[in-house]
N, C-alpha and C. Protein backbone atom coordinates (compact mmCIF):
# COMPACT_ATOMS: atom_id res chain seq x y z
N MET A 1 0.82 -1.19 0.00
CA MET A 1 0.00 0.00 0.00
C MET A 1 0.86 1.25 0.00
N LYS A 2 0.38 2.28 -0.65
CA LYS A 2 1.08 3.55 -0.72
C LYS A 2 0.73 4.39 0.51
N GLN A 3 1.59 5.35 0.83
CA GLN A 3 1.41 6.20 2.00
C GLN A 3 1.02 7.62 1.60
N LEU A 4 0.30 8.26 2.50
CA LEU A 4 -0.15 9.64 2.33
C LEU A 4 0.21 10.39 3.60
N LEU A 5 0.69 11.62 3.47
CA LEU A 5 1.06 12.45 4.61
C LEU A 5 -0.09 13.40 4.93
N VAL A 6 -0.64 13.26 6.14
CA VAL A 6 -1.71 14.13 6.62
C VAL A 6 -1.24 14.68 7.95
N MET A 7 -1.30 16.01 8.10
CA MET A 7 -0.73 16.65 9.29
C MET A 7 -1.77 17.11 10.31
N HIS A 8 -3.04 17.22 9.95
CA HIS A 8 -4.03 17.78 10.85
C HIS A 8 -5.38 17.08 10.63
N ALA A 9 -6.11 16.88 11.72
CA ALA A 9 -7.40 16.19 11.63
C ALA A 9 -8.41 16.92 10.75
N ALA A 10 -8.27 18.23 10.59
CA ALA A 10 -9.20 19.00 9.75
C ALA A 10 -8.86 18.94 8.26
N ASP A 11 -7.70 18.36 7.91
CA ASP A 11 -7.26 18.33 6.51
C ASP A 11 -8.25 17.58 5.62
N THR A 12 -8.47 18.12 4.44
CA THR A 12 -9.30 17.45 3.44
C THR A 12 -8.44 16.86 2.32
N VAL A 13 -7.13 17.15 2.36
CA VAL A 13 -6.18 16.60 1.40
C VAL A 13 -4.92 16.16 2.14
N GLY A 14 -4.18 15.25 1.50
CA GLY A 14 -2.87 14.84 1.99
C GLY A 14 -1.95 14.68 0.80
N ASN A 15 -0.65 14.66 1.06
CA ASN A 15 0.34 14.51 -0.01
C ASN A 15 0.77 13.06 -0.11
N VAL A 16 0.77 12.53 -1.34
CA VAL A 16 1.22 11.15 -1.55
C VAL A 16 2.75 11.12 -1.44
N LEU A 17 3.26 10.05 -0.87
CA LEU A 17 4.70 9.92 -0.62
C LEU A 17 5.40 9.06 -1.66
N ASP A 18 4.69 8.72 -2.72
CA ASP A 18 5.24 7.96 -3.84
C ASP A 18 4.26 8.13 -4.99
N ASP A 19 4.68 7.84 -6.20
CA ASP A 19 3.73 7.85 -7.31
C ASP A 19 2.63 6.84 -7.00
N VAL A 20 1.38 7.22 -7.22
CA VAL A 20 0.24 6.36 -6.95
C VAL A 20 -0.52 6.17 -8.25
N GLY A 21 -0.84 4.92 -8.56
CA GLY A 21 -1.60 4.62 -9.76
C GLY A 21 -3.09 4.56 -9.47
N ALA A 22 -3.88 4.83 -10.48
CA ALA A 22 -5.34 4.74 -10.35
C ALA A 22 -5.71 3.36 -9.82
N GLY A 23 -6.56 3.32 -8.82
CA GLY A 23 -7.02 2.06 -8.24
C GLY A 23 -6.19 1.56 -7.07
N GLU A 24 -5.01 2.16 -6.86
CA GLU A 24 -4.19 1.73 -5.73
C GLU A 24 -4.76 2.26 -4.41
N THR A 25 -4.56 1.48 -3.35
CA THR A 25 -4.98 1.89 -2.02
C THR A 25 -3.89 2.72 -1.38
N VAL A 26 -4.30 3.82 -0.78
CA VAL A 26 -3.39 4.73 -0.11
C VAL A 26 -3.81 4.77 1.36
N CYS A 27 -2.85 4.71 2.28
CA CYS A 27 -3.19 4.72 3.69
C CYS A 27 -2.46 5.84 4.41
N TRP A 28 -3.04 6.26 5.55
CA TRP A 28 -2.44 7.31 6.37
C TRP A 28 -2.95 7.16 7.79
N THR A 29 -2.27 7.81 8.70
CA THR A 29 -2.73 7.88 10.08
C THR A 29 -2.85 9.36 10.48
N CYS A 30 -3.80 9.62 11.35
CA CYS A 30 -3.98 10.97 11.87
C CYS A 30 -4.61 10.84 13.26
N ASP A 31 -4.02 11.50 14.21
CA ASP A 31 -4.49 11.44 15.60
C ASP A 31 -4.61 9.99 16.09
N GLY A 32 -3.67 9.16 15.69
CA GLY A 32 -3.62 7.78 16.14
C GLY A 32 -4.61 6.84 15.48
N LYS A 33 -5.34 7.31 14.49
CA LYS A 33 -6.31 6.48 13.78
C LYS A 33 -5.81 6.19 12.38
N ALA A 34 -6.06 4.99 11.90
CA ALA A 34 -5.64 4.58 10.56
C ALA A 34 -6.79 4.76 9.57
N PHE A 35 -6.45 5.23 8.37
CA PHE A 35 -7.43 5.45 7.30
C PHE A 35 -6.86 4.92 6.00
N SER A 36 -7.74 4.69 5.05
CA SER A 36 -7.29 4.33 3.70
C SER A 36 -8.35 4.76 2.69
N ALA A 37 -7.91 4.93 1.45
CA ALA A 37 -8.80 5.29 0.35
C ALA A 37 -8.17 4.80 -0.94
N ARG A 38 -8.97 4.63 -1.95
CA ARG A 38 -8.47 4.22 -3.25
C ARG A 38 -8.29 5.45 -4.14
N ALA A 39 -7.14 5.55 -4.78
CA ALA A 39 -6.89 6.64 -5.72
C ALA A 39 -7.76 6.44 -6.96
N LEU A 40 -8.43 7.49 -7.38
CA LEU A 40 -9.29 7.40 -8.55
C LEU A 40 -8.54 7.62 -9.85
N GLU A 41 -7.33 8.17 -9.74
CA GLU A 41 -6.52 8.46 -10.92
C GLU A 41 -5.05 8.42 -10.52
N ASP A 42 -4.17 8.47 -11.48
CA ASP A 42 -2.74 8.55 -11.18
C ASP A 42 -2.45 9.85 -10.45
N ILE A 43 -1.65 9.74 -9.37
CA ILE A 43 -1.26 10.93 -8.60
C ILE A 43 0.25 10.89 -8.43
N PRO A 44 0.97 11.85 -8.98
CA PRO A 44 2.44 11.86 -8.88
C PRO A 44 2.92 12.15 -7.46
N PHE A 45 4.11 11.68 -7.15
CA PHE A 45 4.76 11.92 -5.87
C PHE A 45 4.64 13.38 -5.45
N GLY A 46 4.25 13.61 -4.19
CA GLY A 46 4.18 14.95 -3.64
C GLY A 46 2.90 15.70 -3.91
N PHE A 47 2.07 15.21 -4.82
CA PHE A 47 0.82 15.91 -5.13
C PHE A 47 -0.24 15.56 -4.09
N LYS A 48 -1.32 16.32 -4.10
CA LYS A 48 -2.38 16.16 -3.12
C LYS A 48 -3.47 15.22 -3.63
N MET A 49 -4.01 14.43 -2.67
CA MET A 49 -5.15 13.56 -2.93
C MET A 49 -6.26 13.94 -1.97
N ALA A 50 -7.49 13.96 -2.45
CA ALA A 50 -8.65 14.26 -1.60
C ALA A 50 -8.88 13.11 -0.63
N LEU A 51 -9.03 13.45 0.65
CA LEU A 51 -9.28 12.46 1.68
C LEU A 51 -10.76 12.11 1.78
N ARG A 52 -11.59 13.04 1.34
CA ARG A 52 -13.05 12.87 1.39
C ARG A 52 -13.65 13.72 0.29
N PRO A 53 -14.92 13.48 -0.02
CA PRO A 53 -15.57 14.32 -1.03
C PRO A 53 -15.64 15.78 -0.58
N MET A 54 -15.51 16.69 -1.53
CA MET A 54 -15.66 18.13 -1.26
C MET A 54 -16.61 18.72 -2.30
N ALA A 55 -17.51 19.55 -1.82
CA ALA A 55 -18.47 20.21 -2.70
C ALA A 55 -17.82 21.42 -3.35
N GLU A 56 -18.34 21.81 -4.50
CA GLU A 56 -17.88 23.03 -5.15
C GLU A 56 -17.99 24.20 -4.17
N GLY A 57 -16.94 24.99 -4.05
CA GLY A 57 -16.92 26.14 -3.15
C GLY A 57 -16.43 25.83 -1.75
N GLU A 58 -16.30 24.56 -1.41
CA GLU A 58 -15.83 24.17 -0.08
C GLU A 58 -14.34 24.44 0.06
N ALA A 59 -13.92 24.81 1.26
CA ALA A 59 -12.50 25.04 1.52
C ALA A 59 -11.70 23.75 1.39
N VAL A 60 -10.56 23.83 0.70
CA VAL A 60 -9.60 22.74 0.64
C VAL A 60 -8.60 23.02 1.77
N VAL A 61 -8.45 22.07 2.69
CA VAL A 61 -7.67 22.29 3.90
C VAL A 61 -6.44 21.40 3.92
N LYS A 62 -5.28 22.04 4.15
CA LYS A 62 -4.00 21.34 4.27
C LYS A 62 -3.26 21.94 5.46
N TYR A 63 -2.65 21.09 6.28
CA TYR A 63 -1.97 21.54 7.50
C TYR A 63 -2.91 22.31 8.42
N GLY A 64 -4.21 21.99 8.37
CA GLY A 64 -5.19 22.63 9.22
C GLY A 64 -5.64 24.00 8.76
N ASN A 65 -5.20 24.44 7.59
CA ASN A 65 -5.54 25.77 7.07
C ASN A 65 -6.08 25.69 5.66
N PRO A 66 -7.04 26.56 5.31
CA PRO A 66 -7.54 26.55 3.94
C PRO A 66 -6.46 27.02 2.97
N ILE A 67 -6.33 26.29 1.87
CA ILE A 67 -5.34 26.65 0.84
C ILE A 67 -6.02 27.09 -0.45
N GLY A 68 -7.34 27.03 -0.47
CA GLY A 68 -8.11 27.41 -1.64
C GLY A 68 -9.51 26.85 -1.50
N PHE A 69 -10.26 26.90 -2.59
CA PHE A 69 -11.64 26.44 -2.61
C PHE A 69 -11.83 25.51 -3.80
N ALA A 70 -12.63 24.47 -3.60
CA ALA A 70 -12.92 23.54 -4.70
C ALA A 70 -13.65 24.31 -5.81
N SER A 71 -13.09 24.30 -7.01
CA SER A 71 -13.72 25.00 -8.14
C SER A 71 -14.79 24.14 -8.79
N ARG A 72 -14.89 22.90 -8.34
CA ARG A 72 -15.93 21.96 -8.76
C ARG A 72 -15.97 20.88 -7.69
N ALA A 73 -16.95 20.01 -7.74
CA ALA A 73 -17.01 18.90 -6.79
C ALA A 73 -15.76 18.02 -6.96
N ILE A 74 -15.21 17.57 -5.83
CA ILE A 74 -14.01 16.72 -5.84
C ILE A 74 -14.35 15.45 -5.09
N ALA A 75 -14.08 14.31 -5.69
CA ALA A 75 -14.36 13.01 -5.06
C ALA A 75 -13.19 12.57 -4.19
N ALA A 76 -13.47 11.79 -3.17
CA ALA A 76 -12.42 11.19 -2.36
C ALA A 76 -11.53 10.35 -3.26
N GLY A 77 -10.22 10.48 -3.12
CA GLY A 77 -9.28 9.73 -3.94
C GLY A 77 -8.85 10.42 -5.21
N GLU A 78 -9.39 11.60 -5.46
CA GLU A 78 -9.07 12.35 -6.69
C GLU A 78 -7.83 13.22 -6.48
N LEU A 79 -7.08 13.43 -7.55
CA LEU A 79 -5.96 14.37 -7.55
C LEU A 79 -6.52 15.76 -7.30
N VAL A 80 -5.89 16.50 -6.39
CA VAL A 80 -6.30 17.87 -6.08
C VAL A 80 -5.16 18.79 -6.51
N HIS A 81 -5.45 19.65 -7.48
CA HIS A 81 -4.43 20.53 -8.04
C HIS A 81 -5.14 21.73 -8.68
N VAL A 82 -4.43 22.47 -9.50
CA VAL A 82 -4.97 23.71 -10.07
C VAL A 82 -6.21 23.51 -10.95
N HIS A 83 -6.44 22.30 -11.43
CA HIS A 83 -7.60 22.06 -12.30
C HIS A 83 -8.92 21.98 -11.51
N ASN A 84 -8.83 21.81 -10.18
CA ASN A 84 -10.06 21.71 -9.40
C ASN A 84 -10.02 22.53 -8.09
N VAL A 85 -9.02 23.41 -7.95
CA VAL A 85 -8.91 24.29 -6.79
C VAL A 85 -8.67 25.72 -7.26
N ALA A 86 -9.39 26.66 -6.66
CA ALA A 86 -9.19 28.08 -6.93
C ALA A 86 -8.65 28.72 -5.67
N GLY A 87 -7.67 29.59 -5.82
CA GLY A 87 -7.14 30.31 -4.68
C GLY A 87 -8.16 31.29 -4.13
N GLY A 88 -8.04 31.59 -2.84
CA GLY A 88 -8.97 32.51 -2.23
C GLY A 88 -8.32 33.80 -1.76
N ARG A 89 -7.00 33.82 -1.66
CA ARG A 89 -6.31 35.02 -1.18
C ARG A 89 -6.21 36.08 -2.25
N GLY A 90 -6.46 37.32 -1.86
CA GLY A 90 -6.34 38.42 -2.80
C GLY A 90 -7.42 38.44 -3.86
N ARG A 91 -8.49 37.70 -3.62
CA ARG A 91 -9.58 37.62 -4.60
C ARG A 91 -10.67 38.60 -4.22
N GLY A 92 -10.52 39.85 -4.63
CA GLY A 92 -11.52 40.86 -4.34
C GLY A 92 -12.89 40.49 -4.87
N ASP A 93 -12.94 39.75 -5.98
CA ASP A 93 -14.24 39.35 -6.53
C ASP A 93 -14.97 38.42 -5.57
N LEU A 94 -14.25 37.56 -4.89
CA LEU A 94 -14.89 36.66 -3.92
C LEU A 94 -15.24 37.40 -2.65
N GLU A 95 -14.41 38.33 -2.26
CA GLU A 95 -14.64 39.08 -1.04
C GLU A 95 -16.00 39.80 -1.10
N HIS A 96 -16.27 40.44 -2.23
CA HIS A 96 -17.51 41.17 -2.37
C HIS A 96 -18.68 40.25 -2.66
N LYS A 97 -18.42 39.20 -3.40
CA LYS A 97 -19.51 38.32 -3.81
C LYS A 97 -19.91 37.36 -2.71
N GLU A 98 -18.92 36.79 -2.00
CA GLU A 98 -19.21 35.72 -1.06
C GLU A 98 -18.69 35.98 0.34
N GLY A 99 -18.14 37.15 0.61
CA GLY A 99 -17.65 37.45 1.94
C GLY A 99 -16.36 36.76 2.29
N ARG A 100 -15.61 36.28 1.29
CA ARG A 100 -14.34 35.60 1.52
C ARG A 100 -13.20 36.57 1.37
N VAL A 101 -12.12 36.26 2.04
CA VAL A 101 -10.91 37.07 1.90
C VAL A 101 -9.80 36.20 1.36
């Protein structure tokens, strides 16, 4: 099984510690509990994988902090990168539209 690095219980993504192929099982521990999920697609070393489903607009959380927002629905086990995450910092359009900073 492949490993995933998760640093905080609130995280919605973790970083894979090796290249992961579609269909492979990835495991991680957080707060002393063991978890696993199947990768839905190939995920290169160091990239992020969704730990659970995220709705469009939901905060993507890494290291216990939001790093952006899902630009579309993201399934558990999916690669999380620029194609499905939008940054939230410095986005005046979001600040006025949705109260985000």
